[in-house]
Amino acid sequence: MINILVIGIIIYLVWALFHHQKDKSLTLPIFLEYVLTAVLVLILILGVKL
Protein backbone atom coordinates (compact mmCIF):
# COMPACT_ATOMS: atom_id res chain seq x y z
CA MET A 1 0.00 0.00 0.00
CA ILE A 2 2.73 2.47 0.97
CA ASN A 3 4.73 1.59 -2.15
CA ILE A 4 1.80 2.47 -4.41
CA LEU A 5 1.32 5.75 -2.55
CA VAL A 6 4.99 6.70 -2.89
CA ILE A 7 5.02 5.80 -6.59
CA GLY A 8 1.89 7.92 -7.11
CA ILE A 9 3.47 10.88 -5.32
CA ILE A 10 6.65 10.57 -7.39
CA ILE A 11 4.64 10.42 -10.63
CA TYR A 12 2.67 13.49 -9.50
CA LEU A 13 5.85 15.46 -8.81
CA VAL A 14 7.60 14.43 -12.03
CA TRP A 15 4.53 15.27 -14.13
CA ALA A 16 4.07 18.65 -12.44
CA LEU A 17 7.74 19.61 -12.75
CA PHE A 18 7.87 18.47 -16.38
CA HIS A 19 4.73 20.45 -17.20
CA HIS A 20 6.00 23.68 -15.65
CA GLN A 21 9.49 23.22 -17.04
CA LYS A 22 8.01 22.73 -20.53
CA ASP A 23 6.11 26.03 -20.50
CA LYS A 24 8.90 27.77 -18.55
CA SER A 25 6.74 28.70 -15.56
CA LEU A 26 8.65 26.68 -12.96
CA THR A 27 9.57 28.88 -10.01
CA LEU A 28 10.58 28.11 -6.45
CA PRO A 29 7.10 28.85 -5.01
CA ILE A 30 5.47 26.52 -7.56
CA PHE A 31 8.03 23.81 -6.79
CA LEU A 32 7.43 24.17 -3.05
CA GLU A 33 3.67 24.07 -3.58
CA TYR A 34 3.89 20.70 -5.34
CA VAL A 35 6.31 19.25 -2.79
CA LEU A 36 4.23 20.42 0.18
CA THR A 37 1.04 19.10 -1.44
CA ALA A 38 2.70 15.70 -1.91
CA VAL A 39 3.88 15.69 1.72
CA LEU A 40 0.40 16.66 2.95
CA VAL A 41 -1.21 13.84 0.97
CA LEU A 42 1.32 11.38 2.38
CA ILE A 43 0.62 12.55 5.95
CA LEU A 44 -3.15 12.41 5.45
CA ILE A 45 -3.11 8.93 3.95
CA LEU A 46 -0.80 7.59 6.65
CA GLY A 47 -2.98 9.21 9.32
CA VAL A 48 -6.12 7.58 7.96
CA LYS A 49 -4.40 4.23 7.57
CA LEU A 50 -3.20 4.18 11.17
PDB file of N, CA and C in Angstrom:
ATOM      1  N   MET A   1       0.826  -1.203   0.000  1.00  0.00           N
ATOM      2  CA  MET A   1       0.000   0.000   0.000  1.00  0.00           C
ATOM      3  C   MET A   1       0.868   1.264   0.000  1.00  0.00           C
ATOM      4  N   ILE A   2       1.856   1.293   0.873  1.00  0.00           N
ATOM      5  CA  ILE A   2       2.727   2.467   0.968  1.00  0.00           C
ATOM      6  C   ILE A   2       3.534   2.628  -0.319  1.00  0.00           C
ATOM      7  N   ASN A   3       3.958   1.503  -0.913  1.00  0.00           N
ATOM      8  CA  ASN A   3       4.734   1.587  -2.154  1.00  0.00           C
ATOM      9  C   ASN A   3       3.925   2.242  -3.261  1.00  0.00           C
ATOM     10  N   ILE A   4       2.658   1.879  -3.385  1.00  0.00           N
ATOM     11  CA  ILE A   4       1.799   2.468  -4.409  1.00  0.00           C
ATOM     12  C   ILE A   4       1.632   3.962  -4.157  1.00  0.00           C
ATOM     13  N   LEU A   5       1.464   4.344  -2.906  1.00  0.00           N
ATOM     14  CA  LEU A   5       1.318   5.753  -2.549  1.00  0.00           C
ATOM     15  C   LEU A   5       2.576   6.539  -2.917  1.00  0.00           C
ATOM     16  N   VAL A   6       3.727   6.018  -2.591  1.00  0.00           N
ATOM     17  CA  VAL A   6       4.990   6.701  -2.887  1.00  0.00           C
ATOM     18  C   VAL A   6       5.194   6.811  -4.401  1.00  0.00           C
ATOM     19  N   ILE A   7       4.890   5.750  -5.132  1.00  0.00           N
ATOM     20  CA  ILE A   7       5.019   5.801  -6.590  1.00  0.00           C
ATOM     21  C   ILE A   7       4.069   6.850  -7.165  1.00  0.00           C
ATOM     22  N   GLY A   8       2.851   6.914  -6.654  1.00  0.00           N
ATOM     23  CA  GLY A   8       1.891   7.920  -7.110  1.00  0.00           C
ATOM     24  C   GLY A   8       2.375   9.335  -6.840  1.00  0.00           C
ATOM     25  N   ILE A   9       2.954   9.558  -5.680  1.00  0.00           N
ATOM     26  CA  ILE A   9       3.472  10.878  -5.324  1.00  0.00           C
ATOM     27  C   ILE A   9       4.644  11.254  -6.234  1.00  0.00           C
ATOM     28  N   ILE A  10       5.516  10.300  -6.516  1.00  0.00           N
ATOM     29  CA  ILE A  10       6.655  10.569  -7.393  1.00  0.00           C
ATOM     30  C   ILE A  10       6.174  10.898  -8.802  1.00  0.00           C
ATOM     31  N   ILE A  11       5.201  10.144  -9.301  1.00  0.00           N
ATOM     32  CA  ILE A  11       4.644  10.425 -10.630  1.00  0.00           C
ATOM     33  C   ILE A  11       4.016  11.814 -10.658  1.00  0.00           C
ATOM     34  N   TYR A  12       3.291  12.164  -9.599  1.00  0.00           N
ATOM     35  CA  TYR A  12       2.669  13.493  -9.496  1.00  0.00           C
ATOM     36  C   TYR A  12       3.729  14.590  -9.560  1.00  0.00           C
ATOM     37  N   LEU A  13       4.801  14.436  -8.823  1.00  0.00           N
ATOM     38  CA  LEU A  13       5.853  15.457  -8.807  1.00  0.00           C
ATOM     39  C   LEU A  13       6.574  15.554 -10.148  1.00  0.00           C
ATOM     40  N   VAL A  14       6.899  14.418 -10.737  1.00  0.00           N
ATOM     41  CA  VAL A  14       7.596  14.431 -12.027  1.00  0.00           C
ATOM     42  C   VAL A  14       6.724  15.071 -13.098  1.00  0.00           C
ATOM     43  N   TRP A  15       5.436  14.693 -13.130  1.00  0.00           N
ATOM     44  CA  TRP A  15       4.526  15.270 -14.126  1.00  0.00           C
ATOM     45  C   TRP A  15       4.412  16.788 -13.933  1.00  0.00           C
ATOM     46  N   ALA A  16       4.235  17.221 -12.709  1.00  0.00           N
ATOM     47  CA  ALA A  16       4.072  18.654 -12.438  1.00  0.00           C
ATOM     48  C   ALA A  16       5.337  19.431 -12.814  1.00  0.00           C
ATOM     49  N   LEU A  17       6.490  18.915 -12.433  1.00  0.00           N
ATOM     50  CA  LEU A  17       7.736  19.612 -12.745  1.00  0.00           C
ATOM     51  C   LEU A  17       7.991  19.618 -14.251  1.00  0.00           C
ATOM     52  N   PHE A  18       7.705  18.515 -14.920  1.00  0.00           N
ATOM     53  CA  PHE A  18       7.868  18.465 -16.375  1.00  0.00           C
ATOM     54  C   PHE A  18       6.949  19.476 -17.055  1.00  0.00           C
ATOM     55  N   HIS A  19       5.703  19.529 -16.615  1.00  0.00           N
ATOM     56  CA  HIS A  19       4.727  20.447 -17.203  1.00  0.00           C
ATOM     57  C   HIS A  19       5.182  21.905 -17.065  1.00  0.00           C
ATOM     58  N   HIS A  20       5.596  22.285 -15.876  1.00  0.00           N
ATOM     59  CA  HIS A  20       5.995  23.675 -15.650  1.00  0.00           C
ATOM     60  C   HIS A  20       7.342  23.993 -16.299  1.00  0.00           C
ATOM     61  N   GLN A  21       8.209  23.008 -16.369  1.00  0.00           N
ATOM     62  CA  GLN A  21       9.488  23.221 -17.044  1.00  0.00           C
ATOM     63  C   GLN A  21       9.262  23.410 -18.542  1.00  0.00           C
ATOM     64  N   LYS A  22       8.300  22.659 -19.094  1.00  0.00           N
ATOM     65  CA  LYS A  22       8.011  22.731 -20.525  1.00  0.00           C
ATOM     66  C   LYS A  22       7.505  24.120 -20.932  1.00  0.00           C
ATOM     67  N   ASP A  23       6.619  24.696 -20.136  1.00  0.00           N
ATOM     68  CA  ASP A  23       6.110  26.029 -20.500  1.00  0.00           C
ATOM     69  C   ASP A  23       6.851  27.151 -19.772  1.00  0.00           C
ATOM     70  N   LYS A  24       7.973  26.810 -19.171  1.00  0.00           N
ATOM     71  CA  LYS A  24       8.896  27.769 -18.553  1.00  0.00           C
ATOM     72  C   LYS A  24       8.244  28.618 -17.448  1.00  0.00           C
ATOM     73  N   SER A  25       7.369  27.986 -16.675  1.00  0.00           N
ATOM     74  CA  SER A  25       6.739  28.696 -15.564  1.00  0.00           C
ATOM     75  C   SER A  25       7.150  28.108 -14.210  1.00  0.00           C
ATOM     76  N   LEU A  26       8.204  27.306 -14.208  1.00  0.00           N
ATOM     77  CA  LEU A  26       8.648  26.681 -12.961  1.00  0.00           C
ATOM     78  C   LEU A  26       9.432  27.689 -12.125  1.00  0.00           C
ATOM     79  N   THR A  27       8.904  27.990 -10.953  1.00  0.00           N
ATOM     80  CA  THR A  27       9.574  28.880 -10.010  1.00  0.00           C
ATOM     81  C   THR A  27       9.666  28.161  -8.671  1.00  0.00           C
ATOM     82  N   LEU A  28      10.425  28.724  -7.771  1.00  0.00           N
ATOM     83  CA  LEU A  28      10.576  28.108  -6.448  1.00  0.00           C
ATOM     84  C   LEU A  28       9.244  27.987  -5.709  1.00  0.00           C
ATOM     85  N   PRO A  29       8.389  29.013  -5.692  1.00  0.00           N
ATOM     86  CA  PRO A  29       7.095  28.849  -5.012  1.00  0.00           C
ATOM     87  C   PRO A  29       6.233  27.739  -5.615  1.00  0.00           C
ATOM     88  N   ILE A  30       6.247  27.590  -6.928  1.00  0.00           N
ATOM     89  CA  ILE A  30       5.474  26.515  -7.559  1.00  0.00           C
ATOM     90  C   ILE A  30       6.055  25.163  -7.173  1.00  0.00           C
ATOM     91  N   PHE A  31       7.375  25.045  -7.195  1.00  0.00           N
ATOM     92  CA  PHE A  31       8.032  23.806  -6.795  1.00  0.00           C
ATOM     93  C   PHE A  31       7.672  23.442  -5.358  1.00  0.00           C
ATOM     94  N   LEU A  32       7.758  24.424  -4.462  1.00  0.00           N
ATOM     95  CA  LEU A  32       7.428  24.170  -3.055  1.00  0.00           C
ATOM     96  C   LEU A  32       5.964  23.799  -2.877  1.00  0.00           C
ATOM     97  N   GLU A  33       5.092  24.400  -3.660  1.00  0.00           N
ATOM     98  CA  GLU A  33       3.670  24.071  -3.579  1.00  0.00           C
ATOM     99  C   GLU A  33       3.439  22.594  -3.901  1.00  0.00           C
ATOM    100  N   TYR A  34       4.061  22.104  -4.962  1.00  0.00           N
ATOM    101  CA  TYR A  34       3.891  20.705  -5.336  1.00  0.00           C
ATOM    102  C   TYR A  34       4.504  19.764  -4.300  1.00  0.00           C
ATOM    103  N   VAL A  35       5.667  20.098  -3.795  1.00  0.00           N
ATOM    104  CA  VAL A  35       6.312  19.248  -2.789  1.00  0.00           C
ATOM    105  C   VAL A  35       5.488  19.218  -1.508  1.00  0.00           C
ATOM    106  N   LEU A  36       5.022  20.372  -1.058  1.00  0.00           N
ATOM    107  CA  LEU A  36       4.231  20.417   0.175  1.00  0.00           C
ATOM    108  C   LEU A  36       2.876  19.729   0.008  1.00  0.00           C
ATOM    109  N   THR A  37       2.287  19.818  -1.175  1.00  0.00           N
ATOM    110  CA  THR A  37       1.040  19.100  -1.437  1.00  0.00           C
ATOM    111  C   THR A  37       1.281  17.596  -1.365  1.00  0.00           C
ATOM    112  N   ALA A  38       2.368  17.128  -1.945  1.00  0.00           N
ATOM    113  CA  ALA A  38       2.698  15.702  -1.905  1.00  0.00           C
ATOM    114  C   ALA A  38       2.932  15.240  -0.467  1.00  0.00           C
ATOM    115  N   VAL A  39       3.632  16.035   0.317  1.00  0.00           N
ATOM    116  CA  VAL A  39       3.880  15.686   1.718  1.00  0.00           C
ATOM    117  C   VAL A  39       2.569  15.661   2.505  1.00  0.00           C
ATOM    118  N   LEU A  40       1.693  16.623   2.265  1.00  0.00           N
ATOM    119  CA  LEU A  40       0.404  16.664   2.948  1.00  0.00           C
ATOM    120  C   LEU A  40      -0.433  15.429   2.620  1.00  0.00           C
ATOM    121  N   VAL A  41      -0.464  15.041   1.359  1.00  0.00           N
ATOM    122  CA  VAL A  41      -1.207  13.837   0.967  1.00  0.00           C
ATOM    123  C   VAL A  41      -0.625  12.615   1.668  1.00  0.00           C
ATOM    124  N   LEU A  42       0.677  12.505   1.711  1.00  0.00           N
ATOM    125  CA  LEU A  42       1.322  11.380   2.384  1.00  0.00           C
ATOM    126  C   LEU A  42       0.941  11.339   3.863  1.00  0.00           C
ATOM    127  N   ILE A  43       0.979  12.479   4.527  1.00  0.00           N
ATOM    128  CA  ILE A  43       0.624  12.545   5.947  1.00  0.00           C
ATOM    129  C   ILE A  43      -0.844  12.180   6.167  1.00  0.00           C
ATOM    130  N   LEU A  44      -1.720  12.707   5.311  1.00  0.00           N
ATOM    131  CA  LEU A  44      -3.147  12.408   5.448  1.00  0.00           C
ATOM    132  C   LEU A  44      -3.448  10.918   5.242  1.00  0.00           C
ATOM    133  N   ILE A  45      -2.870  10.341   4.225  1.00  0.00           N
ATOM    134  CA  ILE A  45      -3.107   8.930   3.947  1.00  0.00           C
ATOM    135  C   ILE A  45      -2.555   8.061   5.078  1.00  0.00           C
ATOM    136  N   LEU A  46      -1.363   8.369   5.544  1.00  0.00           N
ATOM    137  CA  LEU A  46      -0.797   7.586   6.648  1.00  0.00           C
ATOM    138  C   LEU A  46      -1.616   7.765   7.923  1.00  0.00           C
ATOM    139  N   GLY A  47      -2.149   8.963   8.148  1.00  0.00           N
ATOM    140  CA  GLY A  47      -2.981   9.206   9.320  1.00  0.00           C
ATOM    141  C   GLY A  47      -4.279   8.438   9.278  1.00  0.00           C
ATOM    142  N   VAL A  48      -4.877   8.331   8.103  1.00  0.00           N
ATOM    143  CA  VAL A  48      -6.119   7.578   7.955  1.00  0.00           C
ATOM    144  C   VAL A  48      -5.856   6.086   8.080  1.00  0.00           C
ATOM    145  N   LYS A  49      -4.737   5.646   7.539  1.00  0.00           N
ATOM    146  CA  LYS A  49      -4.402   4.227   7.570  1.00  0.00           C
ATOM    147  C   LYS A  49      -4.144   3.747   8.992  1.00  0.00           C
ATOM    148  N   LEU A  50      -3.517   4.594   9.798  1.00  0.00           N
ATOM    149  CA  LEU A  50      -3.197   4.185  11.174  1.00  0.00           C
ATOM    150  C   LEU A  50      -4.435   4.341  12.020  1.00  0.00           C
TER     151      LEU A  50
END
